[in-house]
Amino acid sequence: MFNDVLRTLLEGLRDEAAAGGSLRKYAVNNTIAPQFMTLYALVQCTPDLSREQCDNCLTGAFGNIPQCCSGKQGGRVITPSCNFRFEIYQFYNSTAEALPPSISSPLAPPVSLPPPSSNNTNSTPSAGSKSNTSRTVIIIVVPTVAFVVLIISVCVYLRARKPREKVESHHVDEIRSVESLLFDFGTISLATDNFSEANKLGQGGFGAVYKGKLSNGQVIAVKRLSRNSGQGDSEFKNEVLLVAKLQHRNLVRLLGFCLERKERLLVYEFVENTSLDHFLFDPTKRGHLDWERRYKIIGGVARGILYLHEDSRLRIIHRDLKASNILLDADMNPKISDFGMARLFVLDETQGNTSRIVGTYGYMAPEYAMRGQFSMKSDVYSFGVLVLEILSGQKNNCFRSGENVEDLLSYAWRNWRENAALNIVDPTMKPGSTSEVMRCIHIGLLCVQENVADRPTMASVVVMLNSYSTTLPVPSQPAFFMHTNMESEISSGWQHSIGLTNKSEERPKGSYVQASQNEVSITELYPR
């Protein structure tokens, strides 16, 4: 019965306090309790709270009555933004409500009086006057000091907590985004018919790629990393976190991943025509790549790299851009894949250094292969090599011109100097615009210049490809990349700091990786 009377009294005071102005929000009142006792109560909110916030705060505080004050005839609950108190004696000054708002403390009762005593005697007028003066001083000084201390404490608390909350929030969001991509191993096994040979698309240095079909009819490509592959857990996590945040029509889309039974699986959208090298370096199939398609592939790859470098929320250096990592959809639109070697830059970072080199010989910029310096211009160099490969239909490290075999960059540069640049063009390619072909050769040579500063950015490359009014600068000598000499030099000089993975591959149905007996890739393992 007592608790019912108390709750009715407090709820009435809550509504009155919540309706208070911006300078004070409190209310006091009393009522008759069982056994003819008088029950007094006070509720209070900080003035900065809105009516709804004050109401919610006090309601939450009332919810603590069963834990703190059940069966008691007095009690008090204090929270950072509101408090209440009840007693069977008058613990506040009955004249408090007549005081100006500025005198009332935001969280302390206007005046608290001691419980009545049987030994109390009447005060003389002078004593009462002194008592009132003391109370006035208390009303002004004590709440003011308490309020200042409270504000300082809150500011210090929020300042210390904010960075931590920001970091924790970042990790929570990252974990949630990754968990939302998790696939069950049984689901993937069922989709690929238990990774049957019939569904195998190809075999690479890091494992096999399988075609699959989910229960909803969606066709997928599953990259099953071999347990002894060069790609460790850091590369696997790197690829998941990076690709999951990237959305662009010229980037392959990651649907999810799986980490069960010691399996590491990446689930991608299925790209119908596998990789560019499957067409480009096949004497028969490269006939399907007329100039219009090759030009569209060059432009799409350029836009994809530009997105990685400048337009995404992250700044990403791919570091392994090559023909086998360019997938082609049903309409022969290019999609950049394989982000296991990518590195994330902060927005104001322009260059990184590493003692462990990753990528594929022939596509790596010389400053990266020899000194471990990589930047956006490293990807620009790889793009330039790729452009010349697309134009010639041959690999950069074994270009054939009649009976002669030489480096593609050397051959392209020599013919450019002799005004015979069209000699490098694939003779099986259906003819297209000569001016477009020459412009692409020009852009390719600009991208592979030896001096890093002379190479254009990908933003400039995209403009060059789409604007014929733009005057192109004259290219300087490229960095001649002699494959055999470079391989022996790096292998002997850095044999203790890098690992080599030979990518000799079988190609039963086309592949998501480059088929090359001579290709050597280097895998870097590093914590993220």
Protein backbone atom coordinates (compact mmCIF):
# COMPACT_ATOMS: atom_id res chain seq x y z
CA MET A 1 0.00 0.00 0.00
CA PHE A 2 2.87 2.36 0.94
CA ASN A 3 4.61 1.68 -2.38
CA ASP A 4 1.40 2.42 -4.34
CA VAL A 5 1.02 5.80 -2.64
CA LEU A 6 4.72 6.53 -3.21
CA ARG A 7 4.56 5.68 -6.92
CA THR A 8 1.45 7.84 -7.42
CA LEU A 9 3.17 10.78 -5.71
CA LEU A 10 6.43 10.36 -7.67
CA GLU A 11 4.71 10.04 -11.06
CA GLY A 12 2.80 13.26 -10.45
CA LEU A 13 6.01 15.05 -9.51
CA ARG A 14 7.78 13.57 -12.55
CA ASP A 15 5.27 15.17 -14.92
CA GLU A 16 5.58 18.50 -13.12
CA ALA A 17 9.39 18.49 -13.16
CA ALA A 18 9.61 17.41 -16.81
CA ALA A 19 7.38 20.35 -17.75
CA GLY A 20 9.77 22.79 -16.08
CA GLY A 21 11.63 25.49 -17.95
CA SER A 22 15.20 25.56 -19.27
CA LEU A 23 16.55 26.94 -15.97
CA ARG A 24 15.18 24.38 -13.54
CA LYS A 25 13.28 21.13 -13.61
CA TYR A 26 12.22 19.95 -10.16
CA ALA A 27 9.08 19.47 -8.11
CA VAL A 28 8.21 18.76 -4.43
CA ASN A 29 4.97 17.67 -2.77
CA ASN A 30 3.55 15.49 0.00
CA THR A 31 0.62 13.15 0.51
CA ILE A 32 -0.98 11.04 3.23
CA ALA A 33 0.51 7.54 3.51
CA PRO A 34 -0.87 4.53 5.43
CA GLN A 35 -1.07 4.82 9.23
CA PHE A 36 -1.69 8.56 8.80
CA MET A 37 1.94 9.30 7.96
CA THR A 38 2.80 12.26 5.74
CA LEU A 39 5.01 11.23 2.80
CA TYR A 40 7.27 13.90 1.32
CA ALA A 41 9.02 13.60 -2.07
CA LEU A 42 11.27 15.61 -4.37
CA VAL A 43 12.22 14.89 -8.02
CA GLN A 44 14.76 16.77 -10.12
CA CYS A 45 16.39 16.78 -13.61
CA THR A 46 19.31 18.75 -15.03
CA PRO A 47 17.95 21.81 -16.90
CA ASP A 48 19.56 20.81 -20.19
CA LEU A 49 17.25 17.81 -20.60
CA SER A 50 14.17 18.05 -22.78
CA ARG A 51 10.76 17.19 -21.37
CA GLU A 52 10.89 13.71 -22.88
CA GLN A 53 14.45 13.11 -21.70
CA CYS A 54 13.64 14.20 -18.16
CA ASP A 55 10.55 11.99 -18.12
CA ASN A 56 12.55 8.98 -19.34
CA CYS A 57 15.39 9.59 -16.88
CA LEU A 58 13.08 9.78 -13.86
CA THR A 59 11.10 6.75 -15.02
CA GLY A 60 14.34 4.78 -15.18
CA ALA A 61 15.33 6.02 -11.73
CA PHE A 62 11.95 4.98 -10.29
CA GLY A 63 12.67 1.50 -11.57
CA ASN A 64 15.45 1.19 -8.95
CA ILE A 65 13.02 1.48 -6.01
CA PRO A 66 12.58 -2.32 -5.56
CA GLN A 67 16.37 -2.79 -5.34
CA CYS A 68 17.25 0.14 -3.09
CA CYS A 69 14.24 1.11 -1.07
CA SER A 70 11.68 -1.72 -0.94
CA GLY A 71 9.94 -1.78 2.43
CA LYS A 72 11.64 1.41 3.58
CA GLN A 73 10.00 4.68 4.56
CA GLY A 74 12.75 6.80 3.00
CA GLY A 75 15.24 6.56 0.16
CA ARG A 76 17.08 8.34 -2.59
CA VAL A 77 18.28 7.46 -6.12
CA ILE A 78 20.83 9.66 -7.92
CA THR A 79 21.82 9.38 -11.58
CA PRO A 80 24.04 11.75 -13.64
CA SER A 81 21.00 13.55 -15.08
CA CYS A 82 18.21 13.19 -12.50
CA ASN A 83 17.42 12.13 -8.92
CA PHE A 84 14.56 11.71 -6.52
CA ARG A 85 14.12 11.37 -2.75
CA PHE A 86 11.25 10.50 -0.40
CA GLU A 87 10.91 10.59 3.42
CA ILE A 88 8.18 10.55 6.05
CA TYR A 89 9.47 13.88 7.31
CA GLN A 90 9.87 17.19 5.48
CA PHE A 91 13.49 17.16 4.27
CA TYR A 92 13.23 20.23 2.02
CA ASN A 93 12.48 23.89 2.70
CA SER A 94 8.82 24.64 2.06
CA THR A 95 9.78 28.09 0.72
CA ALA A 96 12.18 26.67 -1.92
CA GLU A 97 9.64 26.93 -4.71
CA ALA A 98 9.43 30.67 -4.15
CA LEU A 99 13.17 31.11 -4.72
CA PRO A 100 14.41 32.39 -8.10
CA PRO A 101 15.43 29.66 -10.55
CA SER A 102 19.11 30.65 -10.56
CA ILE A 103 19.40 29.73 -6.87
CA SER A 104 18.36 26.11 -7.39
CA SER A 105 21.03 23.52 -8.13
CA PRO A 106 20.53 21.38 -11.21
CA LEU A 107 20.90 18.13 -9.31
CA ALA A 108 20.73 18.92 -5.62
CA PRO A 109 17.52 19.58 -3.68
CA PRO A 110 16.96 23.27 -3.00
CA VAL A 111 17.34 22.76 0.77
CA SER A 112 17.62 19.58 2.82
CA LEU A 113 16.53 19.71 6.46
CA PRO A 114 17.41 17.20 9.20
CA PRO A 115 14.71 14.81 10.43
CA PRO A 116 12.51 16.14 13.26
CA SER A 117 13.72 15.52 16.81
CA SER A 118 11.72 15.37 20.02
CA ASN A 119 14.34 17.59 21.67
CA ASN A 120 13.82 20.51 19.25
CA THR A 121 12.95 23.84 20.91
CA ASN A 122 11.52 27.02 19.44
CA SER A 123 14.15 29.40 18.09
CA THR A 124 14.30 33.04 18.98
CA PRO A 125 13.71 35.53 16.16
CA SER A 126 17.43 36.36 15.99
CA ALA A 127 18.35 32.68 15.78
CA GLY A 128 15.78 32.18 13.05
CA SER A 129 17.22 35.09 11.12
CA LYS A 130 20.73 33.63 11.38
CA SER A 131 19.38 30.23 10.33
CA ASN A 132 17.71 31.72 7.26
CA THR A 133 20.92 33.54 6.34
CA SER A 134 22.92 30.32 6.67
CA ARG A 135 20.41 28.47 4.54
CA THR A 136 20.63 31.14 1.87
CA VAL A 137 24.41 30.86 1.82
CA ILE A 138 24.16 27.08 1.57
CA ILE A 139 21.61 27.35 -1.24
CA ILE A 140 23.91 29.58 -3.25
CA VAL A 141 27.40 28.24 -2.52
CA VAL A 142 27.06 24.49 -2.14
CA PRO A 143 24.98 23.80 -5.27
CA THR A 144 27.16 26.15 -7.33
CA VAL A 145 30.33 24.33 -6.30
CA ALA A 146 28.67 20.96 -6.88
CA PHE A 147 27.49 22.05 -10.32
CA VAL A 148 30.96 23.26 -11.37
CA VAL A 149 32.58 20.03 -10.14
CA LEU A 150 29.95 18.01 -11.99
CA ILE A 151 30.53 19.86 -15.29
CA ILE A 152 34.31 19.43 -15.04
CA SER A 153 33.95 15.73 -14.26
CA VAL A 154 31.62 15.19 -17.22
CA CYS A 155 33.98 17.02 -19.60
CA VAL A 156 36.99 15.00 -18.44
CA TYR A 157 35.04 11.76 -18.74
CA LEU A 158 33.81 12.49 -22.25
CA ARG A 159 37.26 13.61 -23.42
CA ALA A 160 38.86 10.40 -22.18
CA ARG A 161 36.08 8.16 -23.48
CA LYS A 162 35.61 9.60 -26.99
CA PRO A 163 38.75 8.17 -28.70
CA ARG A 164 38.15 4.79 -27.12
CA GLU A 165 34.53 4.73 -28.24
CA LYS A 166 35.62 5.71 -31.75
CA VAL A 167 38.14 2.87 -31.94
CA GLU A 168 35.74 0.36 -30.43
CA SER A 169 33.00 1.47 -32.80
CA HIS A 170 35.35 1.05 -35.77
CA HIS A 171 36.24 -2.50 -34.71
CA VAL A 172 32.62 -3.40 -34.03
CA ASP A 173 31.54 -2.13 -37.45
CA GLU A 174 34.41 -4.00 -39.09
CA ILE A 175 33.54 -7.24 -37.29
CA ARG A 176 29.86 -6.92 -38.18
CA SER A 177 30.63 -6.23 -41.84
CA VAL A 178 32.91 -9.27 -42.00
CA GLU A 179 30.51 -11.54 -40.13
CA SER A 180 27.74 -10.64 -42.56
CA LEU A 181 29.88 -12.18 -45.34
CA LEU A 182 30.40 -15.54 -43.63
CA PHE A 183 29.36 -18.62 -45.62
CA ASP A 184 28.78 -22.04 -44.15
CA PHE A 185 31.22 -24.65 -45.46
CA GLY A 186 28.39 -27.07 -46.13
CA THR A 187 26.63 -24.49 -48.30
CA ILE A 188 29.69 -23.95 -50.46
CA SER A 189 30.47 -27.67 -50.65
CA LEU A 190 26.92 -28.36 -51.84
CA ALA A 191 27.09 -25.51 -54.38
CA THR A 192 30.31 -26.87 -55.94
CA ASP A 193 29.25 -30.55 -55.78
CA ASN A 194 31.87 -31.15 -53.09
CA PHE A 195 34.51 -29.32 -55.16
CA SER A 196 34.25 -31.76 -58.03
CA GLU A 197 36.71 -31.77 -60.92
CA ALA A 198 33.81 -31.08 -63.27
CA ASN A 199 33.33 -27.69 -61.59
CA LYS A 200 37.00 -26.80 -61.48
CA LEU A 201 37.78 -23.62 -63.42
CA GLY A 202 41.52 -23.64 -62.94
CA GLN A 203 44.50 -24.15 -60.63
CA GLY A 204 46.83 -21.41 -59.48
CA GLY A 205 49.73 -20.95 -57.11
CA PHE A 206 47.36 -20.19 -54.22
CA GLY A 207 44.83 -22.93 -54.93
CA ALA A 208 41.97 -23.95 -57.19
CA VAL A 209 38.93 -22.02 -58.41
CA TYR A 210 35.56 -23.76 -58.70
CA LYS A 211 32.26 -22.87 -60.25
CA GLY A 212 29.23 -23.26 -58.00
CA LYS A 213 25.53 -22.59 -57.78
CA LEU A 214 23.75 -21.54 -54.59
CA SER A 215 20.28 -22.76 -53.61
CA ASN A 216 18.79 -19.45 -54.80
CA GLY A 217 20.16 -20.07 -58.30
CA GLN A 218 23.05 -17.58 -58.08
CA VAL A 219 26.21 -18.76 -59.86
CA ILE A 220 29.43 -18.21 -57.90
CA ALA A 221 33.18 -18.69 -58.25
CA VAL A 222 34.90 -20.18 -55.19
CA LYS A 223 38.62 -19.64 -54.63
CA ARG A 224 39.80 -22.54 -52.45
CA LEU A 225 43.18 -21.66 -51.00
CA SER A 226 45.54 -24.60 -50.66
CA ARG A 227 46.83 -25.24 -47.15
CA ASN A 228 50.44 -24.95 -48.29
CA SER A 229 49.83 -21.90 -50.49
CA GLY A 230 51.96 -18.81 -50.21
CA GLN A 231 48.92 -16.76 -49.22
CA GLY A 232 48.75 -16.80 -45.46
CA ASP A 233 46.04 -15.76 -43.04
CA SER A 234 47.10 -12.10 -43.28
CA GLU A 235 46.65 -12.07 -47.08
CA PHE A 236 43.34 -13.90 -46.75
CA LYS A 237 41.98 -11.43 -44.19
CA ASN A 238 43.43 -8.58 -46.25
CA GLU A 239 41.54 -9.63 -49.35
CA VAL A 240 38.27 -10.09 -47.46
CA LEU A 241 38.39 -6.72 -45.69
CA LEU A 242 39.50 -4.80 -48.76
CA VAL A 243 37.27 -6.29 -51.43
CA ALA A 244 34.19 -6.27 -49.18
CA LYS A 245 34.41 -2.46 -49.00
CA LEU A 246 34.92 -1.92 -52.73
CA GLN A 247 32.01 -1.41 -55.09
CA HIS A 248 32.74 -0.60 -58.74
CA ARG A 249 31.63 -2.07 -62.05
CA ASN A 250 35.26 -2.75 -62.99
CA LEU A 251 36.14 -4.59 -59.77
CA VAL A 252 35.14 -8.18 -59.11
CA ARG A 253 32.53 -8.37 -56.32
CA LEU A 254 33.23 -10.43 -53.22
CA LEU A 255 30.09 -12.21 -51.99
CA GLY A 256 31.56 -13.83 -48.89
CA PHE A 257 34.12 -16.15 -47.37
CA CYS A 258 34.43 -19.25 -45.23
CA LEU A 259 36.85 -20.25 -42.44
CA GLU A 260 35.87 -23.76 -41.35
CA ARG A 261 37.61 -27.13 -41.06
CA LYS A 262 40.95 -25.45 -41.78
CA GLU A 263 39.50 -24.34 -45.11
CA ARG A 264 39.91 -20.81 -46.44
CA LEU A 265 37.40 -20.04 -49.16
CA LEU A 266 36.60 -16.82 -51.01
CA VAL A 267 33.23 -16.58 -52.75
CA TYR A 268 33.06 -14.21 -55.74
CA GLU A 269 30.50 -13.33 -58.33
CA PHE A 270 30.92 -15.66 -61.30
CA VAL A 271 32.51 -13.96 -64.29
CA GLU A 272 31.56 -15.89 -67.42
CA ASN A 273 34.60 -15.40 -69.64
CA THR A 274 37.29 -16.08 -67.03
CA SER A 275 40.49 -14.02 -67.28
CA LEU A 276 41.96 -11.78 -69.96
CA ASP A 277 45.09 -13.92 -70.42
CA HIS A 278 42.86 -16.86 -71.34
CA PHE A 279 41.99 -14.96 -74.53
CA LEU A 280 44.95 -12.64 -75.03
CA PHE A 281 47.76 -15.20 -75.06
CA ASP A 282 45.91 -17.99 -76.83
CA PRO A 283 46.76 -18.00 -80.57
CA THR A 284 43.20 -19.01 -81.47
CA LYS A 285 41.04 -17.22 -78.89
CA ARG A 286 42.71 -13.83 -79.16
CA GLY A 287 41.01 -13.50 -82.53
CA HIS A 288 37.80 -12.84 -80.54
CA LEU A 289 39.39 -9.64 -79.22
CA ASP A 290 38.84 -7.06 -81.93
CA TRP A 291 40.05 -3.49 -81.38
CA GLU A 292 36.72 -2.29 -80.00
CA ARG A 293 36.80 -4.92 -77.26
CA ARG A 294 40.45 -4.34 -76.45
CA TYR A 295 39.89 -0.59 -76.22
CA LYS A 296 36.91 -1.16 -73.89
CA ILE A 297 39.05 -3.43 -71.69
CA ILE A 298 41.84 -0.83 -71.48
CA GLY A 299 39.36 1.91 -70.50
CA GLY A 300 37.57 -0.28 -67.93
CA VAL A 301 40.81 -1.32 -66.23
CA ALA A 302 41.91 2.33 -66.10
CA ARG A 303 38.64 3.35 -64.40
CA GLY A 304 38.93 0.48 -61.93
CA ILE A 305 42.45 1.47 -60.88
CA LEU A 306 41.44 5.13 -60.64
CA TYR A 307 38.66 4.07 -58.25
CA LEU A 308 41.18 2.18 -56.09
CA HIS A 309 43.63 5.09 -56.04
CA GLU A 310 41.37 8.11 -55.63
CA ASP A 311 37.61 7.54 -55.68
CA SER A 312 36.98 4.84 -53.07
CA ARG A 313 36.77 5.45 -49.33
CA LEU A 314 40.17 3.79 -49.10
CA ARG A 315 43.37 4.41 -51.08
CA ILE A 316 44.56 1.04 -52.33
CA ILE A 317 47.68 -0.01 -54.22
CA HIS A 318 46.92 -3.29 -55.98
CA ARG A 319 50.58 -4.37 -56.51
CA ASP A 320 49.72 -7.38 -58.70
CA LEU A 321 48.00 -5.94 -61.74
CA LYS A 322 48.38 -8.31 -64.72
CA ALA A 323 46.36 -9.99 -67.45
CA SER A 324 45.48 -13.03 -65.33
CA ASN A 325 43.94 -10.76 -62.68
CA ILE A 326 41.59 -9.08 -65.15
CA LEU A 327 38.33 -11.06 -65.43
CA LEU A 328 35.88 -10.64 -68.30
CA ASP A 329 32.11 -10.85 -67.89
CA ALA A 330 29.59 -11.99 -70.49
CA ASP A 331 29.83 -8.63 -72.28
CA MET A 332 33.66 -8.68 -72.13
CA ASN A 333 33.68 -5.90 -69.51
CA PRO A 334 36.89 -6.08 -67.40
CA LYS A 335 36.86 -6.64 -63.65
CA ILE A 336 40.04 -6.34 -61.59
CA SER A 337 40.46 -9.25 -59.17
CA ASP A 338 42.87 -10.78 -56.63
CA PHE A 339 43.45 -8.24 -53.85
CA GLY A 340 45.52 -10.57 -51.65
CA MET A 341 48.63 -8.44 -52.23
CA ALA A 342 46.96 -5.01 -52.08
CA ARG A 343 48.16 -2.41 -49.59
CA LEU A 344 46.02 0.25 -47.94
CA PHE A 345 47.29 3.84 -47.78
CA VAL A 346 45.95 6.61 -45.62
CA LEU A 347 44.64 9.49 -47.72
CA ASP A 348 47.73 11.70 -47.31
CA GLU A 349 50.21 8.85 -47.82
CA THR A 350 51.86 8.65 -51.24
CA GLN A 351 54.62 6.04 -50.98
CA GLY A 352 55.50 2.92 -48.99
CA ASN A 353 58.59 0.79 -48.56
CA THR A 354 58.99 -2.92 -47.97
CA SER A 355 61.86 -5.40 -47.82
CA ARG A 356 59.63 -8.16 -49.15
CA ILE A 357 58.42 -7.86 -52.70
CA VAL A 358 55.14 -9.24 -54.02
CA GLY A 359 53.78 -9.32 -57.52
CA THR A 360 54.83 -10.77 -60.86
CA TYR A 361 58.09 -10.11 -62.68
CA GLY A 362 57.67 -8.10 -65.83
CA TYR A 363 54.75 -6.13 -64.37
CA MET A 364 56.62 -4.72 -61.36
CA ALA A 365 58.00 -1.19 -61.56
CA PRO A 366 61.81 -1.17 -61.28
CA GLU A 367 61.90 1.01 -58.15
CA TYR A 368 59.62 -1.53 -56.47
CA ALA A 369 61.42 -4.66 -57.69
CA MET A 370 64.88 -3.34 -56.83
CA ARG A 371 64.34 -1.07 -53.80
CA GLY A 372 60.95 -2.08 -52.41
CA GLN A 373 59.43 1.37 -53.04
CA PHE A 374 55.80 1.22 -54.09
CA SER A 375 53.19 3.89 -54.75
CA MET A 376 50.26 4.59 -57.04
CA LYS A 377 52.84 5.01 -59.80
CA SER A 378 53.77 1.33 -59.31
CA ASP A 379 50.26 0.37 -60.43
CA VAL A 380 50.54 2.89 -63.28
CA TYR A 381 53.65 1.07 -64.51
CA SER A 382 51.85 -2.30 -64.38
CA PHE A 383 48.94 -0.77 -66.27
CA GLY A 384 51.32 0.47 -68.99
CA VAL A 385 52.77 -3.03 -69.43
CA LEU A 386 49.25 -4.45 -69.58
CA VAL A 387 48.22 -1.92 -72.28
CA LEU A 388 51.17 -2.92 -74.47
CA GLU A 389 50.30 -6.60 -73.96
CA ILE A 390 46.68 -5.99 -74.98
CA LEU A 391 47.86 -4.17 -78.11
CA SER A 392 50.43 -6.81 -79.10
CA GLY A 393 48.67 -9.95 -77.91
CA GLN A 394 51.95 -11.22 -76.45
CA LYS A 395 53.51 -11.45 -73.01
CA ASN A 396 55.83 -8.68 -72.00
CA ASN A 397 58.77 -10.96 -71.16
CA CYS A 398 58.83 -13.05 -74.33
CA PHE A 399 57.76 -10.82 -77.20
CA ARG A 400 58.35 -12.48 -80.57
CA SER A 401 59.12 -10.50 -83.68
CA GLY A 402 59.74 -12.98 -86.46
CA GLU A 403 62.64 -15.17 -85.31
CA ASN A 404 63.71 -12.74 -82.60
CA VAL A 405 62.61 -12.82 -78.96
CA GLU A 406 63.07 -9.67 -76.92
CA ASP A 407 61.55 -7.61 -74.15
CA LEU A 408 58.21 -6.05 -75.18
CA LEU A 409 59.09 -2.64 -73.72
CA SER A 410 62.39 -2.56 -75.59
CA TYR A 411 60.67 -3.53 -78.83
CA ALA A 412 57.89 -0.97 -78.38
CA TRP A 413 60.35 1.82 -77.55
CA ARG A 414 62.61 1.03 -80.49
CA ASN A 415 59.71 1.07 -82.95
CA TRP A 416 58.35 4.29 -81.41
CA ARG A 417 61.71 5.96 -81.94
CA GLU A 418 61.72 4.72 -85.56
CA ASN A 419 58.16 6.00 -86.18
CA ALA A 420 56.99 2.41 -86.70
CA ALA A 421 54.98 1.95 -83.49
CA LEU A 422 52.20 0.04 -85.28
CA ASN A 423 54.65 -2.85 -85.72
CA ILE A 424 53.82 -3.99 -82.19
CA VAL A 425 50.08 -4.37 -82.91
CA ASP A 426 48.68 -7.91 -82.90
CA PRO A 427 48.30 -8.93 -86.57
CA THR A 428 45.29 -11.13 -85.73
CA MET A 429 43.35 -8.16 -84.33
CA LYS A 430 40.56 -6.88 -86.49
CA PRO A 431 41.48 -3.34 -87.55
CA GLY A 432 40.11 -0.35 -85.70
CA SER A 433 40.84 3.33 -85.39
CA THR A 434 44.53 3.90 -86.13
CA SER A 435 44.52 7.11 -84.09
CA GLU A 436 43.09 5.26 -81.05
CA VAL A 437 45.69 2.50 -81.38
CA MET A 438 48.54 5.01 -81.64
CA ARG A 439 47.17 6.96 -78.69
CA CYS A 440 47.07 3.80 -76.54
CA ILE A 441 50.67 2.92 -77.51
CA HIS A 442 51.65 6.47 -76.55
CA ILE A 443 49.84 6.20 -73.18
CA GLY A 444 51.39 2.78 -72.52
CA LEU A 445 54.89 4.17 -73.05
CA LEU A 446 54.14 7.14 -70.79
CA CYS A 447 53.13 4.75 -68.02
CA VAL A 448 56.32 2.64 -68.15
CA GLN A 449 58.82 5.50 -68.07
CA GLU A 450 61.81 4.86 -65.87
CA ASN A 451 61.46 8.11 -63.93
CA VAL A 452 58.57 7.71 -61.46
CA ALA A 453 57.73 11.42 -61.54
CA ASP A 454 57.31 11.34 -65.33
CA ARG A 455 54.58 8.70 -65.24
CA PRO A 456 51.02 10.08 -65.32
CA THR A 457 48.45 9.45 -62.60
CA MET A 458 45.50 7.21 -63.36
CA ALA A 459 43.26 10.29 -63.37
CA SER A 460 45.39 11.72 -66.19
CA VAL A 461 45.34 8.39 -68.02
CA VAL A 462 41.54 8.27 -67.97
CA VAL A 463 41.42 11.81 -69.36
CA MET A 464 43.94 10.89 -72.09
CA LEU A 465 41.85 7.88 -73.11
CA ASN A 466 38.64 9.86 -73.38
CA SER A 467 39.72 13.28 -74.61
CA TYR A 468 41.38 13.59 -78.00
CA SER A 469 41.87 17.32 -77.47
CA THR A 470 44.41 16.58 -74.74
CA THR A 471 48.00 16.88 -75.97
CA LEU A 472 50.13 13.98 -74.76
CA PRO A 473 53.69 14.63 -73.57
CA VAL A 474 56.59 12.92 -75.32
CA PRO A 475 57.53 9.71 -73.49
CA SER A 476 61.05 9.16 -72.23
CA GLN A 477 62.95 5.89 -72.22
CA PRO A 478 61.12 3.10 -70.41
CA ALA A 479 62.62 1.02 -67.65
CA PHE A 480 63.84 -1.95 -69.64
CA PHE A 481 62.89 -4.96 -67.62
CA MET A 482 65.08 -7.89 -68.58
CA HIS A 483 63.33 -10.82 -67.00
CA THR A 484 66.12 -13.37 -66.75
CA ASN A 485 68.75 -10.98 -65.43
CA MET A 486 66.35 -9.41 -62.94
CA GLU A 487 65.24 -12.77 -61.64
CA SER A 488 68.75 -14.01 -60.94
CA GLU A 489 69.80 -10.69 -59.38
CA ILE A 490 66.86 -10.52 -57.00
CA SER A 491 66.96 -14.22 -56.17
CA SER A 492 70.65 -14.08 -55.19
CA GLY A 493 70.46 -10.73 -53.38
CA TRP A 494 67.28 -11.18 -51.34
CA GLN A 495 67.03 -14.93 -50.96
CA HIS A 496 66.64 -14.66 -47.18
CA SER A 497 63.83 -12.11 -47.18
CA ILE A 498 61.45 -13.29 -49.90
CA GLY A 499 59.71 -16.50 -50.89
CA LEU A 500 59.14 -17.61 -54.47
CA THR A 501 56.06 -19.41 -55.66
CA ASN A 502 56.18 -20.99 -59.10
CA LYS A 503 52.86 -20.68 -60.86
CA SER A 504 52.89 -23.53 -63.34
CA GLU A 505 49.21 -24.15 -63.92
CA GLU A 506 46.81 -26.48 -65.62
CA ARG A 507 43.89 -24.98 -67.51
CA PRO A 508 41.12 -27.54 -68.16
CA LYS A 509 38.31 -25.01 -68.60
CA GLY A 510 39.95 -21.62 -68.53
CA SER A 511 41.28 -20.06 -65.39
CA TYR A 512 41.14 -17.10 -63.06
CA VAL A 513 44.96 -17.08 -63.01
CA GLN A 514 47.64 -16.61 -65.63
CA ALA A 515 48.89 -19.77 -67.38
CA SER A 516 52.65 -19.42 -67.70
CA GLN A 517 55.44 -21.89 -67.10
CA ASN A 518 57.98 -19.05 -66.83
CA GLU A 519 56.02 -16.72 -64.53
CA VAL A 520 57.39 -16.27 -61.03
CA SER A 521 55.37 -14.52 -58.31
CA ILE A 522 56.59 -13.46 -54.92
CA THR A 523 54.38 -13.56 -51.87
CA GLU A 524 54.84 -11.19 -48.96
CA LEU A 525 53.57 -12.15 -45.52
CA TYR A 526 53.08 -9.21 -43.19
CA PRO A 527 50.68 -8.30 -40.37
CA ARG A 528 47.94 -5.79 -41.08
